[in-house]
C-alpha atoms as a PDB file:
ATOM      1  CA  MET A   1      -0.094  -0.099   0.226  1.00  0.00           C
ATOM      2  CA  ARG A   2       1.153   3.352  -0.993  1.00  0.00           C
ATOM      3  CA  VAL A   3       0.598   6.567   0.669  1.00  0.00           C
ATOM      4  CA  TRP A   4       1.006  10.092  -1.038  1.00  0.00           C
ATOM      5  CA  ARG A   5       0.286  13.729  -0.836  1.00  0.00           C
ATOM      6  CA  LEU A   6      -1.571  15.066  -3.582  1.00  0.00           C
ATOM      7  CA  ASP A   7      -0.181  18.293  -4.641  1.00  0.00           C
ATOM      8  CA  PRO A   8      -2.052  20.689  -7.036  1.00  0.00           C
ATOM      9  CA  ALA A   9       0.130  18.541  -9.713  1.00  0.00           C
ATOM     10  CA  ARG A  10      -2.205  16.196  -8.926  1.00  0.00           C
ATOM     11  CA  ALA A  11      -5.104  17.592  -9.554  1.00  0.00           C
ATOM     12  CA  ALA A  12      -6.287  15.164 -12.352  1.00  0.00           C
ATOM     13  CA  GLU A  13      -5.777  11.954  -9.550  1.00  0.00           C
ATOM     14  CA  TRP A  14      -7.618  14.772  -7.037  1.00  0.00           C
ATOM     15  CA  ARG A  15     -10.632  15.335  -9.378  1.00  0.00           C
ATOM     16  CA  ALA A  16     -11.631  11.758 -10.420  1.00  0.00           C
ATOM     17  CA  ILE A  17     -11.788  10.476  -6.893  1.00  0.00           C
ATOM     18  CA  ARG A  18     -13.395  13.574  -5.436  1.00  0.00           C
ATOM     19  CA  LEU A  19     -16.236  13.059  -8.450  1.00  0.00           C
ATOM     20  CA  ALA A  20     -16.608   9.446  -7.594  1.00  0.00           C
ATOM     21  CA  ALA A  21     -17.211  10.386  -3.970  1.00  0.00           C
ATOM     22  CA  LEU A  22     -19.723  12.691  -4.865  1.00  0.00           C
ATOM     23  CA  ILE A  23     -21.686  10.280  -6.900  1.00  0.00           C
ATOM     24  CA  ASP A  24     -20.803   7.247  -4.562  1.00  0.00           C
ATOM     25  CA  ALA A  25     -22.136   9.134  -1.401  1.00  0.00           C
ATOM     26  CA  PRO A  26     -23.532  12.185  -1.890  1.00  0.00           C
ATOM     27  CA  GLU A  27     -25.406  12.273   1.185  1.00  0.00           C
ATOM     28  CA  ALA A  28     -21.307  12.667   3.094  1.00  0.00           C
ATOM     29  CA  PHE A  29     -20.430  15.361   2.335  1.00  0.00           C
ATOM     30  CA  GLY A  30     -20.772  19.321   1.985  1.00  0.00           C
ATOM     31  CA  SER A  31     -20.169  20.048  -1.653  1.00  0.00           C
ATOM     32  CA  THR A  32     -22.556  17.947  -4.378  1.00  0.00           C
ATOM     33  CA  LEU A  33     -21.683  16.805  -7.938  1.00  0.00           C
ATOM     34  CA  ASP A  34     -23.379  19.716  -9.851  1.00  0.00           C
ATOM     35  CA  ASP A  35     -20.971  21.947  -7.250  1.00  0.00           C
ATOM     36  CA  TRP A  36     -17.912  20.238  -8.978  1.00  0.00           C
ATOM     37  CA  GLN A  37     -18.354  18.160 -12.226  1.00  0.00           C
ATOM     38  CA  ASP A  38     -18.195  21.390 -14.543  1.00  0.00           C
ATOM     39  CA  ARG A  39     -15.316  22.778 -12.820  1.00  0.00           C
ATOM     40  CA  PRO A  40     -11.547  23.430 -14.706  1.00  0.00           C
ATOM     41  CA  LEU A  41      -8.872  21.010 -13.345  1.00  0.00           C
ATOM     42  CA  ALA A  42      -7.696  24.702 -12.122  1.00  0.00           C
ATOM     43  CA  ASP A  43     -10.143  24.656  -9.557  1.00  0.00           C
ATOM     44  CA  PHE A  44      -8.872  21.454  -8.355  1.00  0.00           C
ATOM     45  CA  ALA A  45      -5.658  22.206  -8.256  1.00  0.00           C
ATOM     46  CA  GLU A  46      -6.627  25.347  -5.961  1.00  0.00           C
ATOM     47  CA  ARG A  47      -8.190  23.138  -3.639  1.00  0.00           C
ATOM     48  CA  LEU A  48      -5.549  21.321  -3.527  1.00  0.00           C
ATOM     49  CA  ALA A  49      -2.652  24.161  -3.138  1.00  0.00           C
ATOM     50  CA  ASN A  50      -5.208  25.260  -0.309  1.00  0.00           C
ATOM     51  CA  VAL A  51      -5.893  21.563   1.595  1.00  0.00           C
ATOM     52  CA  PRO A  52      -3.360  19.484   3.543  1.00  0.00           C
ATOM     53  CA  THR A  53      -5.138  16.271   1.161  1.00  0.00           C
ATOM     54  CA  PHE A  54      -3.396  12.566   1.238  1.00  0.00           C
ATOM     55  CA  ALA A  55      -4.357   9.042  -0.887  1.00  0.00           C
ATOM     56  CA  ALA A  56      -3.249   5.965  -0.336  1.00  0.00           C
ATOM     57  CA  GLY A  57      -3.910   2.975  -2.662  1.00  0.00           C
ATOM     58  CA  ARG A  58      -1.899  -0.263  -4.569  1.00  0.00           C
ATOM     59  CA  THR A  59      -0.073   2.405  -7.170  1.00  0.00           C
ATOM     60  CA  GLU A  60       0.918   5.783  -6.413  1.00  0.00           C
ATOM     61  CA  GLY A  61      -0.943   7.726  -9.138  1.00  0.00           C
ATOM     62  CA  GLU A  62      -4.706   5.618  -8.848  1.00  0.00           C
ATOM     63  CA  PRO A  63      -5.964   6.941  -5.300  1.00  0.00           C
ATOM     64  CA  LEU A  64      -8.364   4.182  -3.829  1.00  0.00           C
ATOM     65  CA  ALA A  65      -8.894   6.512  -0.441  1.00  0.00           C
ATOM     66  CA  VAL A  66      -8.217  10.231   0.492  1.00  0.00           C
ATOM     67  CA  ALA A  67      -8.366  12.225   3.472  1.00  0.00           C
ATOM     68  CA  ALA A  68      -7.901  15.893   3.913  1.00  0.00           C
ATOM     69  CA  TRP A  69      -7.506  18.365   6.896  1.00  0.00           C
ATOM     70  CA  GLN A  70      -7.838  22.194   7.241  1.00  0.00           C
ATOM     71  CA  ALA A  71      -7.097  24.716   9.957  1.00  0.00           C
ATOM     72  CA  GLY A  72      -9.204  27.279  10.838  1.00  0.00           C
ATOM     73  CA  LEU A  73     -13.003  26.001  10.948  1.00  0.00           C
ATOM     74  CA  ASP A  74     -13.408  25.635  14.407  1.00  0.00           C
ATOM     75  CA  PRO A  75     -13.482  28.980  15.958  1.00  0.00           C
ATOM     76  CA  SER A  76     -13.730  27.854  19.665  1.00  0.00           C
ATOM     77  CA  ASP A  77     -10.398  26.288  19.015  1.00  0.00           C
ATOM     78  CA  ASP A  78      -7.759  27.850  16.629  1.00  0.00           C
ATOM     79  CA  GLN A  79      -5.197  24.891  17.286  1.00  0.00           C
ATOM     80  CA  ARG A  80      -7.875  22.438  16.015  1.00  0.00           C
ATOM     81  CA  GLY A  81      -7.735  20.738  12.621  1.00  0.00           C
ATOM     82  CA  TRP A  82     -10.672  19.767  11.178  1.00  0.00           C
ATOM     83  CA  LEU A  83     -11.102  15.736   8.919  1.00  0.00           C
ATOM     84  CA  LEU A  84     -12.378  16.212   5.573  1.00  0.00           C
ATOM     85  CA  ALA A  85     -13.107  14.504   2.397  1.00  0.00           C
ATOM     86  CA  VAL A  86     -12.783  10.992   3.686  1.00  0.00           C
ATOM     87  CA  TYR A  87     -13.658   8.756   0.951  1.00  0.00           C
ATOM     88  CA  ALA A  88     -12.747   4.749  -0.048  1.00  0.00           C
ATOM     89  CA  ARG A  89     -13.683   3.967  -3.340  1.00  0.00           C
ATOM     90  CA  PRO A  90     -16.460   0.693  -3.026  1.00  0.00           C
ATOM     91  CA  GLU A  91     -13.524  -2.001  -3.789  1.00  0.00           C
ATOM     92  CA  ALA A  92     -10.718  -0.505  -1.394  1.00  0.00           C
ATOM     93  CA  ARG A  93     -13.376  -0.452   1.933  1.00  0.00           C
ATOM     94  CA  GLY A  94     -12.315  -2.343   4.737  1.00  0.00           C
ATOM     95  CA  ARG A  95      -8.801  -3.266   3.076  1.00  0.00           C
ATOM     96  CA  GLY A  96      -7.194  -0.538   4.989  1.00  0.00           C
ATOM     97  CA  PHE A  97      -6.655   2.388   2.556  1.00  0.00           C
ATOM     98  CA  ALA A  98      -8.914   5.116   4.509  1.00  0.00           C
ATOM     99  CA  GLU A  99      -7.504   4.398   7.002  1.00  0.00           C
ATOM    100  CA  THR A 100      -3.540   5.038   5.929  1.00  0.00           C
ATOM    101  CA  ALA A 101      -4.796   8.060   4.062  1.00  0.00           C
ATOM    102  CA  ILE A 102      -6.648   9.437   7.504  1.00  0.00           C
ATOM    103  CA  ARG A 103      -3.343   8.225   9.376  1.00  0.00           C
ATOM    104  CA  ALA A 104      -1.661  10.883   7.001  1.00  0.00           C
ATOM    105  CA  ALA A 105      -3.316  13.349   7.556  1.00  0.00           C
ATOM    106  CA  ILE A 106      -3.780  13.298  11.057  1.00  0.00           C
ATOM    107  CA  ALA A 107       0.545  13.103  10.916  1.00  0.00           C
ATOM    108  CA  ASP A 108       0.506  16.386   8.766  1.00  0.00           C
ATOM    109  CA  ALA A 109      -1.888  18.287  11.271  1.00  0.00           C
ATOM    110  CA  ALA A 110       0.381  17.407  14.226  1.00  0.00           C
ATOM    111  CA  ALA A 111       3.296  18.266  12.222  1.00  0.00           C
ATOM    112  CA  GLN A 112       1.873  21.709  11.330  1.00  0.00           C
ATOM    113  CA  GLY A 113       0.938  22.363  15.100  1.00  0.00           C
ATOM    114  CA  MET A 114      -2.433  21.171  15.411  1.00  0.00           C
ATOM    115  CA  THR A 115      -3.464  20.383  19.003  1.00  0.00           C
ATOM    116  CA  SER A 116      -6.420  18.349  18.319  1.00  0.00           C
ATOM    117  CA  ILE A 117      -8.230  17.244  15.190  1.00  0.00           C
ATOM    118  CA  GLY A 118     -12.140  16.784  14.895  1.00  0.00           C
ATOM    119  CA  LEU A 119     -14.569  15.699  12.117  1.00  0.00           C
ATOM    120  CA  ASN A 120     -18.217  15.169  11.642  1.00  0.00           C
ATOM    121  CA  VAL A 121     -19.760  12.154  10.471  1.00  0.00           C
ATOM    122  CA  ARG A 122     -23.584  10.516   9.548  1.00  0.00           C
ATOM    123  CA  ASP A 123     -24.802   9.320  13.080  1.00  0.00           C
ATOM    124  CA  ARG A 124     -25.862   6.143  11.001  1.00  0.00           C
ATOM    125  CA  ALA A 125     -22.318   5.411   9.177  1.00  0.00           C
ATOM    126  CA  ALA A 126     -21.372   2.691  11.891  1.00  0.00           C
ATOM    127  CA  HIS A 127     -18.486   1.585   9.843  1.00  0.00           C
ATOM    128  CA  ALA A 128     -17.389   5.326   9.318  1.00  0.00           C
ATOM    129  CA  GLN A 129     -17.814   5.820  13.389  1.00  0.00           C
ATOM    130  CA  ALA A 130     -15.450   2.355  14.279  1.00  0.00           C
ATOM    131  CA  LEU A 131     -12.652   3.662  11.789  1.00  0.00           C
ATOM    132  CA  TYR A 132     -12.861   6.488  13.852  1.00  0.00           C
ATOM    133  CA  ARG A 133     -12.990   5.155  16.805  1.00  0.00           C
ATOM    134  CA  ARG A 134     -10.091   2.847  16.522  1.00  0.00           C
ATOM    135  CA  LEU A 135      -7.894   6.072  15.304  1.00  0.00           C
ATOM    136  CA  GLY A 136      -8.823   7.556  18.991  1.00  0.00           C
ATOM    137  CA  PHE A 137     -11.626   9.576  17.749  1.00  0.00           C
ATOM    138  CA  ARG A 138     -14.316  10.444  20.689  1.00  0.00           C
ATOM    139  CA  PRO A 139     -17.756  11.611  19.914  1.00  0.00           C
ATOM    140  CA  SER A 140     -17.733  15.343  22.085  1.00  0.00           C
ATOM    141  CA  ASP A 141     -20.948  16.977  23.310  1.00  0.00           C
ATOM    142  CA  ARG A 142     -21.208  19.272  20.243  1.00  0.00           C
ATOM    143  CA  HIS A 143     -23.718  19.302  17.646  1.00  0.00           C
ATOM    144  CA  GLU A 144     -23.069  21.304  14.506  1.00  0.00           C
ATOM    145  CA  PRO A 145     -25.206  21.660  11.605  1.00  0.00           C
ATOM    146  CA  SER A 146     -25.373  18.595   9.499  1.00  0.00           C
ATOM    147  CA  ASN A 147     -24.630  18.108   5.679  1.00  0.00           C
ATOM    148  CA  SER A 148     -28.326  17.015   5.188  1.00  0.00           C
ATOM    149  CA  PRO A 149     -31.227  17.238   7.811  1.00  0.00           C
ATOM    150  CA  ASP A 150     -31.889  13.581   7.018  1.00  0.00           C
ATOM    151  CA  ASN A 151     -28.356  12.729   7.481  1.00  0.00           C
ATOM    152  CA  PRO A 152     -27.866  13.734  11.269  1.00  0.00           C
ATOM    153  CA  GLU A 153     -24.364  14.160  12.495  1.00  0.00           C
ATOM    154  CA  ILE A 154     -22.472  13.637  15.211  1.00  0.00           C
ATOM    155  CA  GLU A 155     -18.697  15.185  15.945  1.00  0.00           C
ATOM    156  CA  MET A 156     -15.757  13.249  16.837  1.00  0.00           C
ATOM    157  CA  LEU A 157     -12.555  14.615  18.062  1.00  0.00           C
ATOM    158  CA  ARG A 158      -9.197  13.193  19.355  1.00  0.00           C
ATOM    159  CA  SER A 159      -6.009  15.091  20.990  1.00  0.00           C
ATOM    160  CA  LEU A 160      -2.866  15.281  18.953  1.00  0.00           C
ATOM    161  CA  PRO A 161       0.274  14.753  20.688  1.00  0.00           C
END
């Protein structure tokens, strides 16, 4: 298994897996396929320039899973990163690819000085919650707005070294 950072030069890789995610699991994301499918590749490159994003796959250049993180999204804690855009292609689920991409994102957030990392996950996504628990995330008592009123979410947090 390989893990690598998706930088702007890898925008085509990000575009392919991002659009697949928005087709396969639209309820899991704040963006929609309509938001992204007709955008130029430069928009995907710009996103990668501003949001650290990691991919995992059998072969570098062919991502089977991705995870990103971003600082500055939690007004109550400027040293909390936020895990975003986590997705594994169906054929990669349960095989460690998403975990590998998430671990890379967490390590990068810690290296950039974040003291904790948070995420929102659908409250009905038991498999995803189990993965996040294995990675040290715990539910918080905060409830943030979800991506969709039909898909309530819970917030999970993890301290970083």
